[in-house]
């Protein structure tokens, strides 16, 4: 399918002055939606180019290749007056700037919001950091792990009494990218109306805390600090991984109607009539005994049989898949969550598919993840042409 009209962000210019994950991921989403994203890199490049501990054919890691498609790369040493002047000229043409230096660094480089606003008052300037632009932890270096630990996320991840574990995916990094993207798009829309942009302060710490709705609702409602629950849930039971004869699967009977269906499917009228399980709140209170009672029956058949039977009855259930199984399975394949793109060094290289589909203007891979400085001559020529016509 080809787009019948321009992508929604066509004509929007974004300067991606960020490295590693949160900033580059946010800017890739903008690029996928049509923005002209120029990745402004130091002479050594985004440090993610050499990350991940294994090598591809060329110098860029698979991680870099999965966060930087549809962008152009320009190398600038922003510590030099000459390259800083070039950045200023580029900033005059931009709608959005995304940076993730540690707070204070952009002021020393003289590319901070105040400096850019003086030459482009419509600029939407996004600062991504570990802990925000203000506060007692602002100047700390911060990665996803620290944000998960210091935000409370790790305190509820895993099983009671076990070693601390982080979420298996970088929820603080990706969460920050998503929140920053929604904020910068809102600010961009506002700038079209008022002529004034603004400074956006996005942090991994704040993003991780924003995911704590159920946990903090419990704390503020009861005064009890949230604890680890494994795969179970604070709002409903049974709603977790349960054991069948051949292993675990997930299921959820989250309301009275589904609970009744589950008891009927399992042929367990004793559970339906049990006073301890008569309501959601009671099932939550007696969760451990409830799951043990359910597994007495569930362990008599294989997980695939139970999943099929529950789905046929209208009870949500599913297998626990590995990433290869999820990406290569029939649904992941249908959703095109793995796609191959052309790369000048790697040849065909796999990329995670577009997480949200624009059905009216389908996203496309218009540019491969750029080689370091690949577009230097092209972008500088554009600036020179602009200077001549100005």
Protein backbone atom coordinates (compact mmCIF):
# COMPACT_ATOMS: atom_id res chain seq x y z
CA UNK A 1 0.00 0.00 0.00
CA UNK A 2 1.32 3.46 -0.89
CA UNK A 3 0.41 6.74 0.75
CA UNK A 4 -2.26 8.74 -1.09
CA UNK A 5 -1.33 11.95 0.69
CA UNK A 6 1.76 13.28 2.50
CA UNK A 7 2.75 11.83 5.84
CA UNK A 8 1.40 14.05 8.65
CA UNK A 9 4.77 15.49 9.71
CA UNK A 10 6.10 16.16 6.23
CA UNK A 11 7.73 19.60 6.24
CA UNK A 12 8.55 19.47 9.97
CA UNK A 13 12.29 19.60 10.67
CA UNK A 14 13.71 17.96 13.79
CA UNK A 15 17.29 18.17 15.02
CA UNK A 16 18.12 14.99 16.91
CA UNK A 17 21.00 15.97 19.20
CA UNK A 18 20.60 12.87 21.34
CA UNK A 19 22.25 9.50 21.79
CA UNK A 20 21.49 5.96 22.97
CA UNK A 21 17.72 5.30 23.32
CA UNK A 22 15.07 7.74 24.62
CA UNK A 23 15.90 10.67 22.33
CA UNK A 24 16.76 8.65 19.22
CA UNK A 25 13.63 6.50 19.60
CA UNK A 26 11.40 9.57 19.93
CA UNK A 27 13.01 11.15 16.88
CA UNK A 28 12.66 7.94 14.86
CA UNK A 29 8.92 7.94 15.53
CA UNK A 30 8.78 11.51 14.24
CA UNK A 31 10.81 10.51 11.20
CA UNK A 32 8.51 7.56 10.55
CA UNK A 33 5.60 10.01 10.51
CA UNK A 34 7.29 12.13 7.85
CA UNK A 35 9.51 14.62 9.69
CA UNK A 36 12.90 15.56 8.26
CA UNK A 37 15.06 14.37 11.15
CA UNK A 38 18.69 15.43 11.07
CA UNK A 39 20.78 13.43 13.53
CA UNK A 40 23.47 15.85 14.71
CA UNK A 41 26.34 13.67 15.94
CA UNK A 42 29.74 14.40 17.47
CA UNK A 43 32.74 13.38 15.34
CA UNK A 44 32.80 9.93 17.02
CA UNK A 45 29.08 9.43 16.46
CA UNK A 46 26.23 8.27 18.67
CA UNK A 47 27.79 5.89 21.20
CA UNK A 48 25.11 3.33 20.37
CA UNK A 49 26.76 2.81 16.97
CA UNK A 50 29.37 0.68 18.71
CA UNK A 51 27.21 -0.88 21.43
CA UNK A 52 25.72 -4.34 22.08
CA UNK A 53 28.85 -6.47 22.31
CA UNK A 54 28.65 -8.08 18.87
CA UNK A 55 29.57 -6.79 15.44
CA UNK A 56 27.65 -6.49 12.23
CA UNK A 57 29.32 -6.24 8.82
CA UNK A 58 29.88 -2.51 9.27
CA UNK A 59 30.64 -0.31 12.28
CA UNK A 60 27.04 0.24 13.40
CA UNK A 61 25.29 -2.00 15.93
CA UNK A 62 21.92 -3.63 15.38
CA UNK A 63 20.62 -1.45 18.21
CA UNK A 64 21.60 1.70 16.35
CA UNK A 65 20.04 0.36 13.16
CA UNK A 66 16.74 -0.16 15.01
CA UNK A 67 16.46 3.38 16.39
CA UNK A 68 17.63 5.61 13.57
CA UNK A 69 15.86 4.80 10.31
CA UNK A 70 14.43 7.63 8.20
CA UNK A 71 17.05 10.11 9.50
CA UNK A 72 19.97 11.99 7.97
CA UNK A 73 23.33 12.23 9.77
CA UNK A 74 25.40 15.39 10.13
CA UNK A 75 28.61 15.44 12.17
CA UNK A 76 29.39 18.62 14.10
CA UNK A 77 31.86 19.30 16.89
CA UNK A 78 29.72 21.63 18.96
CA UNK A 79 32.71 22.54 21.11
CA UNK A 80 34.12 24.56 18.19
CA UNK A 81 32.90 28.02 17.20
CA UNK A 82 32.72 27.09 13.52
CA UNK A 83 30.52 24.04 13.95
CA UNK A 84 28.42 25.78 16.59
CA UNK A 85 27.75 28.56 14.06
CA UNK A 86 26.63 25.90 11.58
CA UNK A 87 24.31 24.45 14.23
CA UNK A 88 22.79 27.90 14.80
CA UNK A 89 22.05 28.23 11.09
CA UNK A 90 20.49 24.80 11.10
CA UNK A 91 18.46 25.64 14.22
CA UNK A 92 16.94 28.61 12.39
CA UNK A 93 15.37 26.12 9.95
CA UNK A 94 14.17 23.69 12.63
CA UNK A 95 10.82 23.22 14.32
CA UNK A 96 11.99 20.84 17.06
CA UNK A 97 15.28 20.11 18.81
CA UNK A 98 15.72 17.01 20.99
CA UNK A 99 18.81 16.76 23.19
CA UNK A 100 19.82 14.47 26.04
CA UNK A 101 22.99 16.00 27.46
CA UNK A 102 23.35 16.00 31.21
CA UNK A 103 21.74 19.20 32.62
CA UNK A 104 24.15 22.12 32.32
CA UNK A 105 26.09 20.74 29.36
CA UNK A 106 24.06 22.51 26.67
CA UNK A 107 24.54 25.81 28.50
CA UNK A 108 28.30 25.30 28.40
CA UNK A 109 28.08 24.48 24.69
CA UNK A 110 25.82 27.52 24.18
CA UNK A 111 23.14 25.46 22.40
CA UNK A 112 20.63 25.61 25.28
CA UNK A 113 17.00 26.64 24.90
CA UNK A 114 17.62 30.31 25.71
CA UNK A 115 20.36 30.52 23.07
CA UNK A 116 18.25 28.84 20.40
CA UNK A 117 15.06 30.72 21.27
CA UNK A 118 16.92 33.99 20.67
CA UNK A 119 17.36 33.02 17.01
CA UNK A 120 14.19 30.95 16.58
CA UNK A 121 11.35 31.82 18.98
CA UNK A 122 9.11 29.12 17.44
CA UNK A 123 11.45 26.31 18.41
CA UNK A 124 10.14 23.41 20.49
CA UNK A 125 13.17 22.34 22.51
CA UNK A 126 13.08 18.97 24.28
CA UNK A 127 15.58 18.15 27.01
CA UNK A 128 15.71 14.47 27.98
CA UNK A 129 17.68 13.49 31.06
CA UNK A 130 17.83 10.88 33.76
CA UNK A 131 16.22 12.94 36.53
CA UNK A 132 15.01 16.21 34.99
CA UNK A 133 16.38 19.72 34.62
CA UNK A 134 15.77 20.63 38.27
CA UNK A 135 15.79 18.99 41.69
CA UNK A 136 18.44 17.50 43.97
CA UNK A 137 19.18 14.63 41.56
CA UNK A 138 19.18 16.73 38.38
CA UNK A 139 22.93 16.61 37.77
CA UNK A 140 23.24 12.86 38.34
CA UNK A 141 23.98 10.69 35.33
CA UNK A 142 21.03 8.42 34.78
CA UNK A 143 20.21 5.43 32.63
CA UNK A 144 17.12 3.21 32.46
CA UNK A 145 18.39 0.95 35.26
CA UNK A 146 18.83 3.83 37.69
CA UNK A 147 15.44 5.28 36.78
CA UNK A 148 13.73 1.92 37.36
CA UNK A 149 15.48 1.50 40.70
CA UNK A 150 14.97 5.03 42.02
CA UNK A 151 11.40 5.50 40.77
CA UNK A 152 9.99 2.50 42.63
CA UNK A 153 9.54 0.28 39.57
CA UNK A 154 12.06 -2.31 40.75
CA UNK A 155 10.39 -2.52 44.16
CA UNK A 156 7.34 -4.14 42.53
CA UNK A 157 9.10 -6.18 39.84
CA UNK A 158 9.72 -9.89 40.40
CA UNK A 159 8.54 -12.23 43.12
CA UNK A 160 8.40 -11.61 46.90
CA UNK A 161 11.64 -12.34 48.73
CA UNK A 162 13.77 -12.68 45.60
CA UNK A 163 16.69 -10.56 44.38
CA UNK A 164 15.90 -7.15 42.83
CA UNK A 165 15.07 -7.39 39.14
CA UNK A 166 14.33 -4.74 36.56
CA UNK A 167 11.61 -4.90 33.96
CA UNK A 168 12.85 -6.99 31.05
CA UNK A 169 12.49 -4.08 28.63
CA UNK A 170 13.69 -0.48 29.14
CA UNK A 171 10.41 0.96 30.36
CA UNK A 172 11.94 4.24 31.57
CA UNK A 173 13.76 4.90 28.29
CA UNK A 174 10.89 4.01 25.99
CA UNK A 175 8.30 5.56 28.30
CA UNK A 176 10.24 8.81 28.32
CA UNK A 177 10.46 8.71 24.54
CA UNK A 178 6.69 8.30 24.23
CA UNK A 179 5.85 11.02 26.75
CA UNK A 180 8.37 13.40 25.16
CA UNK A 181 6.90 12.74 21.72
CA UNK A 182 3.35 13.52 22.80
CA UNK A 183 4.50 16.68 24.58
CA UNK A 184 6.58 18.00 21.71
CA UNK A 185 3.78 17.41 19.21
CA UNK A 186 1.38 19.31 21.48
CA UNK A 187 3.91 22.15 21.80
CA UNK A 188 4.45 22.18 18.04
CA UNK A 189 0.71 22.52 17.44
CA UNK A 190 0.65 25.35 19.98
CA UNK A 191 3.57 27.08 18.28
CA UNK A 192 1.66 27.12 14.99
CA UNK A 193 -1.08 29.12 16.72
CA UNK A 194 1.01 31.48 18.87
CA UNK A 195 4.36 31.72 17.10
CA UNK A 196 6.05 30.73 20.35
CA UNK A 197 7.67 27.40 21.10
CA UNK A 198 8.68 26.20 24.55
CA UNK A 199 11.16 24.15 26.53
CA UNK A 200 10.09 20.60 27.42
CA UNK A 201 11.70 18.88 30.41
CA UNK A 202 11.37 15.07 30.06
CA UNK A 203 13.09 12.58 32.34
CA UNK A 204 13.42 8.82 32.65
CA UNK A 205 12.66 9.13 36.37
CA UNK A 206 9.34 10.94 35.84
CA UNK A 207 8.36 8.58 33.02
CA UNK A 208 8.95 5.48 35.13
CA UNK A 209 6.93 6.96 37.99
CA UNK A 210 4.05 7.74 35.63
CA UNK A 211 3.55 4.01 35.09
CA UNK A 212 2.75 3.45 38.77
CA UNK A 213 -0.99 4.16 38.60
CA UNK A 214 -2.20 0.90 40.16
CA UNK A 215 0.64 0.78 42.68
CA UNK A 216 0.29 4.32 43.96
CA UNK A 217 -3.50 4.11 43.93
CA UNK A 218 -3.14 1.17 46.28
CA UNK A 219 -0.68 3.07 48.49
CA UNK A 220 -2.71 6.27 48.65
CA UNK A 221 -5.89 4.26 49.24
CA UNK A 222 -4.60 1.89 51.92
CA UNK A 223 -1.34 3.31 53.25
CA UNK A 224 0.43 0.03 52.47
CA UNK A 225 3.55 0.25 50.31
CA UNK A 226 3.19 -1.74 47.07
CA UNK A 227 5.13 -5.01 46.92
CA UNK A 228 6.23 -7.55 44.34
CA UNK A 229 3.46 -9.74 42.96
CA UNK A 230 5.14 -11.69 40.17
CA UNK A 231 2.68 -11.94 37.27
CA UNK A 232 -0.45 -11.26 39.33
CA UNK A 233 -2.35 -8.00 39.53
CA UNK A 234 -3.39 -5.58 42.27
CA UNK A 235 -6.85 -4.99 40.85
CA UNK A 236 -8.20 -8.42 40.05
CA UNK A 237 -7.81 -12.17 40.53
CA UNK A 238 -7.35 -14.58 38.92
CA UNK A 239 -5.29 -12.53 36.46
CA UNK A 240 -1.79 -13.96 36.09
CA UNK A 241 0.35 -16.84 34.85
CA UNK A 242 -1.03 -20.20 35.97
CA UNK A 243 0.37 -23.69 35.68
CA UNK A 244 -1.00 -26.31 33.32
CA UNK A 245 0.27 -29.87 32.84
CA UNK A 246 3.04 -28.82 30.40
CA UNK A 247 3.95 -25.39 31.80
CA UNK A 248 2.57 -21.92 32.35
CA UNK A 249 0.13 -19.76 30.42
CA UNK A 250 -1.68 -16.52 31.24
CA UNK A 251 -5.38 -15.98 31.82
CA UNK A 252 -7.71 -13.47 33.38
CA UNK A 253 -11.17 -13.83 34.84
CA UNK A 254 -11.39 -10.23 35.99
CA UNK A 255 -15.10 -9.82 36.74
CA UNK A 256 -18.04 -11.80 38.06
CA UNK A 257 -19.24 -12.88 34.62
CA UNK A 258 -15.83 -14.25 33.63
CA UNK A 259 -15.36 -15.85 37.04
CA UNK A 260 -18.62 -17.74 36.63
CA UNK A 261 -17.56 -18.86 33.14
CA UNK A 262 -14.21 -20.06 34.47
CA UNK A 263 -15.77 -22.10 37.26
CA UNK A 264 -18.18 -23.68 34.76
CA UNK A 265 -15.38 -24.47 32.31
CA UNK A 266 -13.28 -26.10 35.01
CA UNK A 267 -16.34 -27.92 36.34
CA UNK A 268 -15.64 -26.49 39.78
CA UNK A 269 -18.98 -25.49 41.34
CA UNK A 270 -17.21 -25.62 44.69
CA UNK A 271 -15.16 -22.56 43.74
CA UNK A 272 -18.19 -20.69 42.45
CA UNK A 273 -19.95 -21.31 45.76
CA UNK A 274 -16.94 -20.69 48.01
CA UNK A 275 -17.48 -17.71 50.33
CA UNK A 276 -13.81 -16.65 50.06
CA UNK A 277 -14.16 -16.17 46.30
CA UNK A 278 -17.56 -14.52 46.10
CA UNK A 279 -16.32 -11.11 44.91
CA UNK A 280 -13.32 -9.50 43.25
CA UNK A 281 -12.10 -8.06 46.54
CA UNK A 282 -12.38 -11.43 48.27
CA UNK A 283 -10.58 -13.20 45.43
CA UNK A 284 -7.79 -10.64 45.71
CA UNK A 285 -7.59 -11.16 49.47
CA UNK A 286 -7.35 -14.94 49.07
CA UNK A 287 -5.36 -14.95 45.81
CA UNK A 288 -2.75 -17.54 46.79
CA UNK A 289 -5.29 -20.09 47.95
CA UNK A 290 -7.43 -19.35 44.90
CA UNK A 291 -4.60 -19.98 42.43
CA UNK A 292 -3.62 -23.18 44.22
CA UNK A 293 -7.21 -24.39 43.96
CA UNK A 294 -7.41 -23.51 40.26
CA UNK A 295 -4.14 -25.24 39.48
CA UNK A 296 -5.46 -28.48 40.98
CA UNK A 297 -7.63 -28.63 37.87
CA UNK A 298 -5.46 -26.74 35.38
CA UNK A 299 -2.54 -29.16 35.81
CA UNK A 300 -4.69 -31.98 34.44
CA UNK A 301 -4.50 -30.67 30.86
CA UNK A 302 -1.92 -28.93 28.65
CA UNK A 303 -1.80 -25.16 28.30
CA UNK A 304 -2.79 -25.18 24.63
CA UNK A 305 -5.99 -27.05 25.45
CA UNK A 306 -6.89 -24.66 28.25
CA UNK A 307 -6.17 -21.59 26.14
CA UNK A 308 -8.41 -22.85 23.32
CA UNK A 309 -11.18 -23.74 25.76
CA UNK A 310 -11.00 -20.40 27.57
CA UNK A 311 -11.00 -18.38 24.37
CA UNK A 312 -13.99 -20.35 23.11
CA UNK A 313 -15.79 -19.41 26.33
CA UNK A 314 -14.79 -15.75 26.12
CA UNK A 315 -12.14 -15.84 28.86
CA UNK A 316 -8.93 -13.96 27.88
CA UNK A 317 -5.95 -16.34 27.81
CA UNK A 318 -2.71 -16.80 25.92
CA UNK A 319 0.66 -18.53 25.75
CA UNK A 320 3.91 -17.11 27.14
CA UNK A 321 6.04 -16.63 24.03
CA UNK A 322 9.70 -15.91 23.54
CA UNK A 323 10.60 -12.91 21.40
CA UNK A 324 11.43 -15.10 18.38
CA UNK A 325 8.09 -16.86 18.75
CA UNK A 326 6.24 -13.53 19.01
CA UNK A 327 7.99 -11.86 16.08
CA UNK A 328 7.98 -14.92 13.82
CA UNK A 329 4.51 -16.16 14.73
CA UNK A 330 1.49 -15.71 12.51
CA UNK A 331 0.12 -12.62 14.28
CA UNK A 332 3.45 -10.81 14.61
CA UNK A 333 4.10 -11.59 10.95
CA UNK A 334 0.66 -10.32 9.92
CA UNK A 335 1.25 -7.11 11.89
CA UNK A 336 4.62 -6.70 10.15
CA UNK A 337 6.44 -6.28 13.44
CA UNK A 338 9.60 -7.52 11.77
CA UNK A 339 10.55 -5.87 8.50
CA UNK A 340 13.66 -5.90 6.36
CA UNK A 341 15.20 -2.68 5.13
CA UNK A 342 18.01 -2.06 2.66
CA UNK A 343 21.34 -0.82 4.02
CA UNK A 344 24.43 0.15 1.99
CA UNK A 345 26.78 -1.97 4.14
CA UNK A 346 24.59 -4.56 5.85
CA UNK A 347 22.44 -5.40 2.82
CA UNK A 348 19.06 -6.56 4.11
CA UNK A 349 18.79 -5.73 7.81
CA UNK A 350 15.91 -6.45 10.16
CA UNK A 351 14.03 -3.65 11.90
CA UNK A 352 11.18 -3.70 14.41
CA UNK A 353 8.02 -2.68 12.58
CA UNK A 354 6.00 0.49 13.09
CA UNK A 355 4.34 0.22 16.53
CA UNK A 356 1.28 2.19 15.42
CA UNK A 357 -0.08 2.05 11.90
CA UNK A 358 -1.22 5.21 10.10
CA UNK A 359 -3.90 3.75 7.85
CA UNK A 360 -4.51 6.86 5.78
CA UNK A 361 -0.83 7.61 5.21
CA UNK A 362 1.06 4.37 5.86
CA UNK A 363 4.57 4.84 7.18
CA UNK A 364 7.44 3.81 4.95
CA UNK A 365 11.17 3.31 5.32
CA UNK A 366 12.28 6.27 3.24
CA UNK A 367 15.90 6.25 4.44
CA UNK A 368 18.15 3.56 5.87
CA UNK A 369 19.72 4.28 9.28
CA UNK A 370 22.41 6.78 8.25
CA UNK A 371 26.12 6.14 8.18
CA UNK A 372 28.05 8.55 10.38
CA UNK A 373 28.16 11.92 8.61
CA UNK A 374 26.55 10.44 5.50
CA UNK A 375 24.61 13.62 4.74
CA UNK A 376 27.19 16.25 5.68
CA UNK A 377 27.61 17.59 2.15
CA UNK A 378 23.88 17.44 1.40
CA UNK A 379 22.78 19.32 4.52
CA UNK A 380 25.55 21.93 4.34
CA UNK A 381 24.64 22.56 0.69
CA UNK A 382 21.05 23.17 1.75
CA UNK A 383 22.21 25.73 4.30
CA UNK A 384 24.38 27.46 1.73
CA UNK A 385 21.49 27.62 -0.74
CA UNK A 386 19.29 29.09 1.96
CA UNK A 387 21.90 31.74 2.77
CA UNK A 388 22.09 32.75 -0.89
CA UNK A 389 18.32 33.16 -1.23
CA UNK A 390 17.83 34.84 2.17
